[in-house]
Amino acid sequence: MYQPEHSAHTGATAHRDDRVQFLVTADETSLAELQIQLALLPLCATGRVFVEVAEPKDVFPLQVPMRMTVTWLPRSVRGGRPGTGERCAPGQALRRAVRAWTAEMLCDGPGDTQAILTGDFRGVSQVYEVLAGGVGMPEAHIAAPGRYGLRRGSRAN
């Protein structure tokens, strides 16, 4: 029976995947923009797409690179702040999903991960804060609508 040497299982021989990982977020206000951004991604792109919408009936099939996963986040079936009985506010489901994803997928830091944020200011700003403030993703790796003025160096005093 063949017994592989221990060195055959080290990082030196493991396949290293150097593809950039993408995180893409959107809400019901930016579905057309989302589809454009997804069409511009490389066919071999890997990563996650989170889309926050009002209701489950707002979900539809998205064309994404085959190594990307889409998660729809209907607010009507989610609660707001725990223990309050509040409804899920716009941007809240996106923030929660991105925070959980980054905790799992970026536990060693953001690396070369690229984020594309589209949608309403509430969702974009909350996700931006998770990425830039919480995870330490370089602002140059986060594409967000310029009209929101989210870059730390560009804020007016």
N, C-alpha and C. Protein backbone atom coordinates (compact mmCIF):
# COMPACT_ATOMS: atom_id res chain seq x y z
N MET A 1 0.84 -1.18 0.00
CA MET A 1 0.00 0.00 0.00
C MET A 1 0.88 1.24 0.00
N TYR A 2 0.55 2.21 -0.87
CA TYR A 2 1.34 3.44 -0.98
C TYR A 2 1.07 4.32 0.22
N GLN A 3 2.13 4.83 0.83
CA GLN A 3 2.04 5.76 1.95
C GLN A 3 2.76 7.05 1.54
N PRO A 4 2.04 8.13 1.31
CA PRO A 4 2.72 9.36 0.90
C PRO A 4 3.61 9.89 2.01
N GLU A 5 4.69 10.52 1.59
CA GLU A 5 5.58 11.14 2.57
C GLU A 5 4.87 12.34 3.18
N HIS A 6 5.27 12.70 4.38
CA HIS A 6 4.68 13.85 5.06
C HIS A 6 4.85 15.13 4.24
N SER A 7 6.00 15.27 3.57
CA SER A 7 6.25 16.49 2.81
C SER A 7 5.26 16.66 1.66
N ALA A 8 4.62 15.60 1.24
CA ALA A 8 3.64 15.70 0.16
C ALA A 8 2.40 16.47 0.60
N HIS A 9 2.22 16.68 1.89
CA HIS A 9 1.04 17.37 2.40
C HIS A 9 1.35 18.75 2.94
N THR A 10 2.50 19.29 2.68
CA THR A 10 2.86 20.60 3.20
C THR A 10 2.39 21.68 2.27
N GLY A 11 2.44 22.90 2.75
CA GLY A 11 2.05 24.05 1.94
C GLY A 11 2.95 24.23 0.75
N ALA A 12 4.16 23.69 0.81
CA ALA A 12 5.09 23.85 -0.31
C ALA A 12 4.60 23.14 -1.57
N THR A 13 3.79 22.13 -1.40
CA THR A 13 3.30 21.40 -2.57
C THR A 13 1.82 21.65 -2.83
N ALA A 14 1.17 22.37 -1.96
CA ALA A 14 -0.26 22.62 -2.15
C ALA A 14 -0.47 23.60 -3.30
N HIS A 15 -1.58 23.45 -3.99
CA HIS A 15 -1.93 24.35 -5.07
C HIS A 15 -2.30 25.70 -4.47
N ARG A 16 -1.70 26.74 -4.98
CA ARG A 16 -2.00 28.09 -4.49
C ARG A 16 -2.88 28.78 -5.52
N ASP A 17 -4.01 29.27 -5.08
CA ASP A 17 -4.95 29.95 -5.96
C ASP A 17 -4.72 31.45 -5.82
N ASP A 18 -4.17 32.07 -6.84
CA ASP A 18 -3.84 33.48 -6.77
C ASP A 18 -4.93 34.38 -7.35
N ARG A 19 -6.07 33.84 -7.68
CA ARG A 19 -7.15 34.67 -8.20
C ARG A 19 -7.64 35.63 -7.13
N VAL A 20 -8.00 36.81 -7.55
CA VAL A 20 -8.57 37.80 -6.65
C VAL A 20 -10.00 37.39 -6.33
N GLN A 21 -10.36 37.50 -5.07
CA GLN A 21 -11.72 37.20 -4.62
C GLN A 21 -12.54 38.49 -4.68
N PHE A 22 -13.80 38.39 -5.09
CA PHE A 22 -14.66 39.56 -5.18
C PHE A 22 -15.82 39.46 -4.20
N LEU A 23 -16.18 40.60 -3.64
CA LEU A 23 -17.40 40.75 -2.85
C LEU A 23 -18.21 41.83 -3.55
N VAL A 24 -19.45 41.50 -3.91
CA VAL A 24 -20.31 42.45 -4.61
C VAL A 24 -21.60 42.58 -3.82
N THR A 25 -22.02 43.83 -3.56
CA THR A 25 -23.26 44.04 -2.82
C THR A 25 -24.18 44.98 -3.61
N ALA A 26 -25.48 44.79 -3.40
CA ALA A 26 -26.47 45.61 -4.09
C ALA A 26 -27.77 45.58 -3.30
N ASP A 27 -28.69 46.42 -3.71
CA ASP A 27 -30.05 46.38 -3.18
C ASP A 27 -31.01 46.64 -4.33
N GLU A 28 -32.29 46.73 -4.02
CA GLU A 28 -33.28 46.86 -5.09
C GLU A 28 -33.15 48.15 -5.88
N THR A 29 -32.43 49.14 -5.36
CA THR A 29 -32.26 50.40 -6.09
C THR A 29 -31.14 50.32 -7.13
N SER A 30 -30.37 49.24 -7.13
CA SER A 30 -29.20 49.19 -8.02
C SER A 30 -29.10 47.89 -8.82
N LEU A 31 -30.22 47.26 -9.11
CA LEU A 31 -30.18 45.97 -9.79
C LEU A 31 -29.61 46.06 -11.20
N ALA A 32 -29.91 47.13 -11.93
CA ALA A 32 -29.34 47.29 -13.27
C ALA A 32 -27.83 47.50 -13.18
N GLU A 33 -27.40 48.33 -12.25
CA GLU A 33 -25.97 48.56 -12.04
C GLU A 33 -25.27 47.27 -11.61
N LEU A 34 -25.92 46.50 -10.76
CA LEU A 34 -25.37 45.21 -10.32
C LEU A 34 -25.13 44.30 -11.53
N GLN A 35 -26.10 44.20 -12.41
CA GLN A 35 -25.96 43.33 -13.57
C GLN A 35 -24.80 43.79 -14.46
N ILE A 36 -24.61 45.09 -14.60
CA ILE A 36 -23.48 45.61 -15.38
C ILE A 36 -22.16 45.24 -14.70
N GLN A 37 -22.07 45.46 -13.39
CA GLN A 37 -20.84 45.15 -12.67
C GLN A 37 -20.51 43.66 -12.75
N LEU A 38 -21.51 42.81 -12.64
CA LEU A 38 -21.27 41.37 -12.73
C LEU A 38 -20.79 40.97 -14.13
N ALA A 39 -21.34 41.62 -15.16
CA ALA A 39 -20.93 41.31 -16.53
C ALA A 39 -19.48 41.72 -16.78
N LEU A 40 -18.96 42.68 -16.03
CA LEU A 40 -17.59 43.15 -16.20
C LEU A 40 -16.55 42.30 -15.46
N LEU A 41 -17.02 41.41 -14.57
CA LEU A 41 -16.08 40.56 -13.83
C LEU A 41 -15.45 39.52 -14.76
N PRO A 42 -14.23 39.10 -14.44
CA PRO A 42 -13.63 38.01 -15.23
C PRO A 42 -14.47 36.74 -15.12
N LEU A 43 -14.50 35.94 -16.18
CA LEU A 43 -15.28 34.69 -16.16
C LEU A 43 -14.81 33.75 -15.06
N CYS A 44 -13.53 33.84 -14.66
CA CYS A 44 -13.00 32.95 -13.63
C CYS A 44 -13.07 33.58 -12.23
N ALA A 45 -13.81 34.68 -12.09
CA ALA A 45 -13.90 35.35 -10.79
C ALA A 45 -14.48 34.43 -9.73
N THR A 46 -13.99 34.58 -8.51
CA THR A 46 -14.53 33.85 -7.37
C THR A 46 -15.04 34.87 -6.36
N GLY A 47 -15.96 34.45 -5.51
CA GLY A 47 -16.42 35.34 -4.47
C GLY A 47 -17.90 35.22 -4.19
N ARG A 48 -18.44 36.32 -3.66
CA ARG A 48 -19.82 36.32 -3.16
C ARG A 48 -20.55 37.56 -3.61
N VAL A 49 -21.84 37.39 -3.90
CA VAL A 49 -22.74 38.49 -4.23
C VAL A 49 -23.87 38.48 -3.21
N PHE A 50 -24.07 39.62 -2.53
CA PHE A 50 -25.19 39.77 -1.61
C PHE A 50 -26.12 40.83 -2.17
N VAL A 51 -27.42 40.49 -2.26
CA VAL A 51 -28.41 41.42 -2.79
C VAL A 51 -29.55 41.54 -1.78
N GLU A 52 -29.74 42.74 -1.26
CA GLU A 52 -30.83 43.00 -0.31
C GLU A 52 -32.03 43.54 -1.07
N VAL A 53 -33.18 42.92 -0.85
CA VAL A 53 -34.43 43.34 -1.50
C VAL A 53 -35.53 43.39 -0.45
N ALA A 54 -36.65 44.00 -0.82
CA ALA A 54 -37.76 44.14 0.13
C ALA A 54 -38.45 42.81 0.43
N GLU A 55 -38.77 42.05 -0.61
CA GLU A 55 -39.59 40.85 -0.47
C GLU A 55 -38.97 39.66 -1.21
N PRO A 56 -39.29 38.44 -0.81
CA PRO A 56 -38.82 37.27 -1.56
C PRO A 56 -39.25 37.28 -3.03
N LYS A 57 -40.40 37.89 -3.33
CA LYS A 57 -40.87 37.94 -4.72
C LYS A 57 -39.97 38.79 -5.60
N ASP A 58 -39.06 39.57 -5.02
CA ASP A 58 -38.14 40.42 -5.78
C ASP A 58 -36.90 39.68 -6.27
N VAL A 59 -36.77 38.42 -5.89
CA VAL A 59 -35.60 37.61 -6.27
C VAL A 59 -35.75 37.11 -7.71
N PHE A 60 -34.67 37.15 -8.47
CA PHE A 60 -34.67 36.64 -9.84
C PHE A 60 -33.30 36.07 -10.15
N PRO A 61 -33.18 35.25 -11.18
CA PRO A 61 -31.88 34.67 -11.52
C PRO A 61 -30.90 35.74 -12.01
N LEU A 62 -29.70 35.71 -11.48
CA LEU A 62 -28.63 36.61 -11.90
C LEU A 62 -27.57 35.82 -12.66
N GLN A 63 -27.02 36.42 -13.68
CA GLN A 63 -25.90 35.81 -14.40
C GLN A 63 -24.62 36.22 -13.68
N VAL A 64 -23.92 35.24 -13.13
CA VAL A 64 -22.66 35.50 -12.42
C VAL A 64 -21.60 34.51 -12.89
N PRO A 65 -20.32 34.86 -12.72
CA PRO A 65 -19.29 33.87 -13.01
C PRO A 65 -19.56 32.59 -12.22
N MET A 66 -19.22 31.44 -12.80
CA MET A 66 -19.63 30.17 -12.19
C MET A 66 -19.00 29.90 -10.83
N ARG A 67 -17.95 30.59 -10.45
CA ARG A 67 -17.34 30.38 -9.14
C ARG A 67 -17.81 31.40 -8.11
N MET A 68 -18.87 32.11 -8.42
CA MET A 68 -19.42 33.09 -7.48
C MET A 68 -20.77 32.60 -6.97
N THR A 69 -21.05 32.93 -5.74
CA THR A 69 -22.29 32.53 -5.09
C THR A 69 -23.15 33.77 -4.86
N VAL A 70 -24.44 33.66 -5.15
CA VAL A 70 -25.38 34.76 -4.93
C VAL A 70 -26.25 34.43 -3.72
N THR A 71 -26.38 35.41 -2.83
CA THR A 71 -27.27 35.28 -1.68
C THR A 71 -28.24 36.46 -1.69
N TRP A 72 -29.52 36.14 -1.76
CA TRP A 72 -30.57 37.17 -1.71
C TRP A 72 -30.98 37.37 -0.26
N LEU A 73 -31.19 38.62 0.12
CA LEU A 73 -31.52 38.97 1.50
C LEU A 73 -32.83 39.76 1.55
N PRO A 74 -33.99 39.08 1.54
CA PRO A 74 -35.27 39.80 1.62
C PRO A 74 -35.49 40.33 3.04
N ARG A 75 -35.70 41.63 3.15
CA ARG A 75 -35.88 42.26 4.48
C ARG A 75 -37.15 41.81 5.18
N SER A 76 -38.20 41.52 4.41
CA SER A 76 -39.50 41.21 5.03
C SER A 76 -39.46 39.93 5.86
N VAL A 77 -38.50 39.07 5.64
CA VAL A 77 -38.42 37.82 6.40
C VAL A 77 -37.29 37.86 7.44
N ARG A 78 -36.75 39.06 7.69
CA ARG A 78 -35.67 39.23 8.66
C ARG A 78 -36.11 40.23 9.72
N GLY A 79 -35.60 40.04 10.91
CA GLY A 79 -35.89 40.98 11.99
C GLY A 79 -34.88 42.12 11.99
N GLY A 80 -35.24 43.15 12.73
CA GLY A 80 -34.34 44.28 12.91
C GLY A 80 -33.36 44.01 14.04
N ARG A 81 -33.16 44.99 14.88
CA ARG A 81 -32.24 44.80 16.01
C ARG A 81 -32.78 43.69 16.91
N PRO A 82 -31.91 42.77 17.34
CA PRO A 82 -32.34 41.64 18.18
C PRO A 82 -33.09 42.11 19.44
N GLY A 83 -34.17 41.42 19.72
CA GLY A 83 -34.95 41.69 20.93
C GLY A 83 -35.87 42.88 20.86
N THR A 84 -35.97 43.55 19.72
CA THR A 84 -36.80 44.74 19.64
C THR A 84 -38.12 44.50 18.93
N GLY A 85 -38.21 43.47 18.11
CA GLY A 85 -39.40 43.24 17.31
C GLY A 85 -39.48 44.16 16.11
N GLU A 86 -38.44 44.96 15.88
CA GLU A 86 -38.42 45.86 14.74
C GLU A 86 -38.26 45.08 13.44
N ARG A 87 -38.68 45.71 12.35
CA ARG A 87 -38.47 45.14 11.02
C ARG A 87 -37.04 45.43 10.60
N CYS A 88 -36.54 44.67 9.68
CA CYS A 88 -35.20 44.86 9.15
C CYS A 88 -35.17 46.15 8.33
N ALA A 89 -34.29 47.06 8.69
CA ALA A 89 -34.18 48.35 8.00
C ALA A 89 -33.31 48.20 6.75
N PRO A 90 -33.50 49.07 5.76
CA PRO A 90 -32.64 49.03 4.58
C PRO A 90 -31.16 49.11 4.97
N GLY A 91 -30.38 48.24 4.37
CA GLY A 91 -28.95 48.18 4.64
C GLY A 91 -28.55 47.25 5.77
N GLN A 92 -29.48 46.94 6.64
CA GLN A 92 -29.19 46.12 7.82
C GLN A 92 -28.84 44.68 7.47
N ALA A 93 -29.58 44.08 6.57
CA ALA A 93 -29.31 42.70 6.18
C ALA A 93 -27.98 42.60 5.44
N LEU A 94 -27.67 43.59 4.60
CA LEU A 94 -26.38 43.60 3.90
C LEU A 94 -25.23 43.67 4.90
N ARG A 95 -25.33 44.58 5.84
CA ARG A 95 -24.27 44.74 6.85
C ARG A 95 -24.04 43.44 7.61
N ARG A 96 -25.10 42.81 8.05
CA ARG A 96 -24.98 41.55 8.79
C ARG A 96 -24.33 40.46 7.93
N ALA A 97 -24.79 40.34 6.70
CA ALA A 97 -24.27 39.30 5.80
C ALA A 97 -22.78 39.53 5.52
N VAL A 98 -22.40 40.76 5.25
CA VAL A 98 -21.00 41.06 4.95
C VAL A 98 -20.14 40.86 6.19
N ARG A 99 -20.64 41.24 7.34
CA ARG A 99 -19.87 41.04 8.57
C ARG A 99 -19.63 39.54 8.80
N ALA A 100 -20.63 38.71 8.61
CA ALA A 100 -20.48 37.26 8.78
C ALA A 100 -19.54 36.69 7.72
N TRP A 101 -19.68 37.14 6.48
CA TRP A 101 -18.83 36.64 5.40
C TRP A 101 -17.37 36.99 5.65
N THR A 102 -17.12 38.23 6.05
CA THR A 102 -15.73 38.63 6.29
C THR A 102 -15.13 37.87 7.46
N ALA A 103 -15.92 37.58 8.48
CA ALA A 103 -15.40 36.82 9.62
C ALA A 103 -14.96 35.43 9.20
N GLU A 104 -15.67 34.86 8.25
CA GLU A 104 -15.33 33.51 7.78
C GLU A 104 -14.27 33.52 6.68
N MET A 105 -14.43 34.39 5.70
CA MET A 105 -13.59 34.34 4.51
C MET A 105 -12.34 35.22 4.58
N LEU A 106 -12.33 36.21 5.45
CA LEU A 106 -11.19 37.11 5.53
C LEU A 106 -10.53 37.06 6.90
N CYS A 107 -10.57 35.90 7.53
CA CYS A 107 -10.04 35.77 8.89
C CYS A 107 -8.54 36.04 8.95
N ASP A 108 -7.82 35.87 7.84
CA ASP A 108 -6.39 36.18 7.78
C ASP A 108 -6.13 37.57 7.22
N GLY A 109 -7.17 38.39 7.14
CA GLY A 109 -7.04 39.72 6.57
C GLY A 109 -7.64 39.78 5.18
N PRO A 110 -7.83 41.00 4.66
CA PRO A 110 -8.51 41.15 3.37
C PRO A 110 -7.69 40.72 2.16
N GLY A 111 -6.36 40.67 2.30
CA GLY A 111 -5.54 40.28 1.16
C GLY A 111 -5.85 41.14 -0.05
N ASP A 112 -6.01 40.52 -1.20
CA ASP A 112 -6.30 41.24 -2.44
C ASP A 112 -7.78 41.26 -2.78
N THR A 113 -8.64 40.93 -1.83
CA THR A 113 -10.08 40.92 -2.07
C THR A 113 -10.53 42.29 -2.58
N GLN A 114 -11.38 42.27 -3.58
CA GLN A 114 -11.94 43.50 -4.16
C GLN A 114 -13.43 43.54 -3.86
N ALA A 115 -13.92 44.71 -3.44
CA ALA A 115 -15.34 44.88 -3.14
C ALA A 115 -15.96 45.88 -4.11
N ILE A 116 -17.14 45.54 -4.58
CA ILE A 116 -17.92 46.42 -5.45
C ILE A 116 -19.25 46.65 -4.74
N LEU A 117 -19.48 47.87 -4.30
CA LEU A 117 -20.68 48.20 -3.52
C LEU A 117 -21.60 49.07 -4.35
N THR A 118 -22.84 48.64 -4.53
CA THR A 118 -23.83 49.44 -5.24
C THR A 118 -25.06 49.55 -4.37
N GLY A 119 -25.90 50.53 -4.68
CA GLY A 119 -27.17 50.65 -3.97
C GLY A 119 -27.33 51.94 -3.21
N ASP A 120 -28.31 51.93 -2.35
CA ASP A 120 -28.67 53.07 -1.52
C ASP A 120 -27.55 53.39 -0.52
N PHE A 121 -27.43 54.64 -0.16
CA PHE A 121 -26.38 55.09 0.76
C PHE A 121 -26.37 54.29 2.06
N ARG A 122 -27.55 53.97 2.60
CA ARG A 122 -27.59 53.27 3.89
C ARG A 122 -26.85 51.94 3.83
N GLY A 123 -27.11 51.15 2.81
CA GLY A 123 -26.43 49.86 2.69
C GLY A 123 -24.97 49.99 2.33
N VAL A 124 -24.68 50.85 1.35
CA VAL A 124 -23.31 51.03 0.91
C VAL A 124 -22.44 51.53 2.05
N SER A 125 -22.91 52.54 2.79
CA SER A 125 -22.09 53.10 3.87
C SER A 125 -21.87 52.11 5.00
N GLN A 126 -22.87 51.30 5.32
CA GLN A 126 -22.70 50.31 6.38
C GLN A 126 -21.72 49.22 5.98
N VAL A 127 -21.80 48.75 4.75
CA VAL A 127 -20.87 47.73 4.27
C VAL A 127 -19.47 48.32 4.16
N TYR A 128 -19.37 49.55 3.68
CA TYR A 128 -18.06 50.21 3.58
C TYR A 128 -17.39 50.27 4.94
N GLU A 129 -18.14 50.60 5.96
CA GLU A 129 -17.57 50.69 7.31
C GLU A 129 -17.10 49.33 7.82
N VAL A 130 -17.86 48.28 7.53
CA VAL A 130 -17.43 46.93 7.91
C VAL A 130 -16.10 46.60 7.23
N LEU A 131 -16.00 46.90 5.94
CA LEU A 131 -14.81 46.53 5.18
C LEU A 131 -13.60 47.41 5.53
N ALA A 132 -13.76 48.72 5.45
CA ALA A 132 -12.62 49.62 5.68
C ALA A 132 -12.31 49.75 7.16
N GLY A 133 -13.34 49.90 7.98
CA GLY A 133 -13.11 50.11 9.41
C GLY A 133 -12.94 48.84 10.21
N GLY A 134 -13.76 47.85 9.93
CA GLY A 134 -13.73 46.61 10.71
C GLY A 134 -12.69 45.60 10.27
N VAL A 135 -12.58 45.39 8.96
CA VAL A 135 -11.68 44.36 8.43
C VAL A 135 -10.33 44.94 8.03
N GLY A 136 -10.29 46.24 7.80
CA GLY A 136 -9.05 46.88 7.39
C GLY A 136 -8.75 46.73 5.91
N MET A 137 -9.80 46.56 5.10
CA MET A 137 -9.60 46.47 3.65
C MET A 137 -9.12 47.83 3.14
N PRO A 138 -8.08 47.85 2.33
CA PRO A 138 -7.63 49.12 1.77
C PRO A 138 -8.75 49.79 0.97
N GLU A 139 -8.88 51.09 1.14
CA GLU A 139 -9.95 51.80 0.45
C GLU A 139 -9.82 51.68 -1.06
N ALA A 140 -8.61 51.52 -1.56
CA ALA A 140 -8.40 51.35 -3.00
C ALA A 140 -9.01 50.05 -3.52
N HIS A 141 -9.32 49.10 -2.62
CA HIS A 141 -9.91 47.82 -3.01
C HIS A 141 -11.44 47.85 -2.92
N ILE A 142 -12.00 49.00 -2.53
CA ILE A 142 -13.45 49.11 -2.36
C ILE A 142 -13.99 50.11 -3.38
N ALA A 143 -14.80 49.63 -4.31
CA ALA A 143 -15.45 50.50 -5.29
C ALA A 143 -16.84 50.82 -4.78
N ALA A 144 -17.07 52.10 -4.49
CA ALA A 144 -18.37 52.56 -4.00
C ALA A 144 -18.72 53.82 -4.78
N PRO A 145 -20.00 54.14 -4.88
CA PRO A 145 -20.38 55.35 -5.60
C PRO A 145 -19.68 56.59 -5.02
N GLY A 146 -19.00 57.32 -5.89
CA GLY A 146 -18.26 58.51 -5.45
C GLY A 146 -19.15 59.57 -4.82
N ARG A 147 -20.40 59.63 -5.24
CA ARG A 147 -21.32 60.66 -4.72
C ARG A 147 -21.56 60.53 -3.23
N TYR A 148 -21.22 59.37 -2.65
CA TYR A 148 -21.43 59.16 -1.21
C TYR A 148 -20.28 59.70 -0.36
N GLY A 149 -19.14 60.00 -0.96
CA GLY A 149 -18.02 60.59 -0.21
C GLY A 149 -17.52 59.72 0.93
N LEU A 150 -17.40 58.41 0.70
CA LEU A 150 -17.04 57.50 1.78
C LEU A 150 -15.55 57.39 2.03
N ARG A 151 -14.70 57.76 1.10
CA ARG A 151 -13.26 57.66 1.30
C ARG A 151 -12.89 58.55 2.47
N ARG A 152 -12.17 57.99 3.41
CA ARG A 152 -11.81 58.71 4.62
C ARG A 152 -11.02 59.98 4.32
N GLY A 153 -10.14 59.94 3.36
CA GLY A 153 -9.33 61.10 3.02
C GLY A 153 -10.10 62.18 2.28
N SER A 154 -11.31 61.86 1.77
CA SER A 154 -12.05 62.82 0.97
C SER A 154 -13.19 63.48 1.72
N ARG A 155 -13.37 63.17 2.96
CA ARG A 155 -14.48 63.75 3.72
C ARG A 155 -14.19 65.20 4.05
N ALA A 156 -15.22 66.01 3.95
CA ALA A 156 -15.08 67.42 4.32
C ALA A 156 -15.06 67.55 5.83
N ASN A 157 -14.28 68.48 6.31
CA ASN A 157 -14.20 68.68 7.78
C ASN A 157 -15.30 69.55 8.29
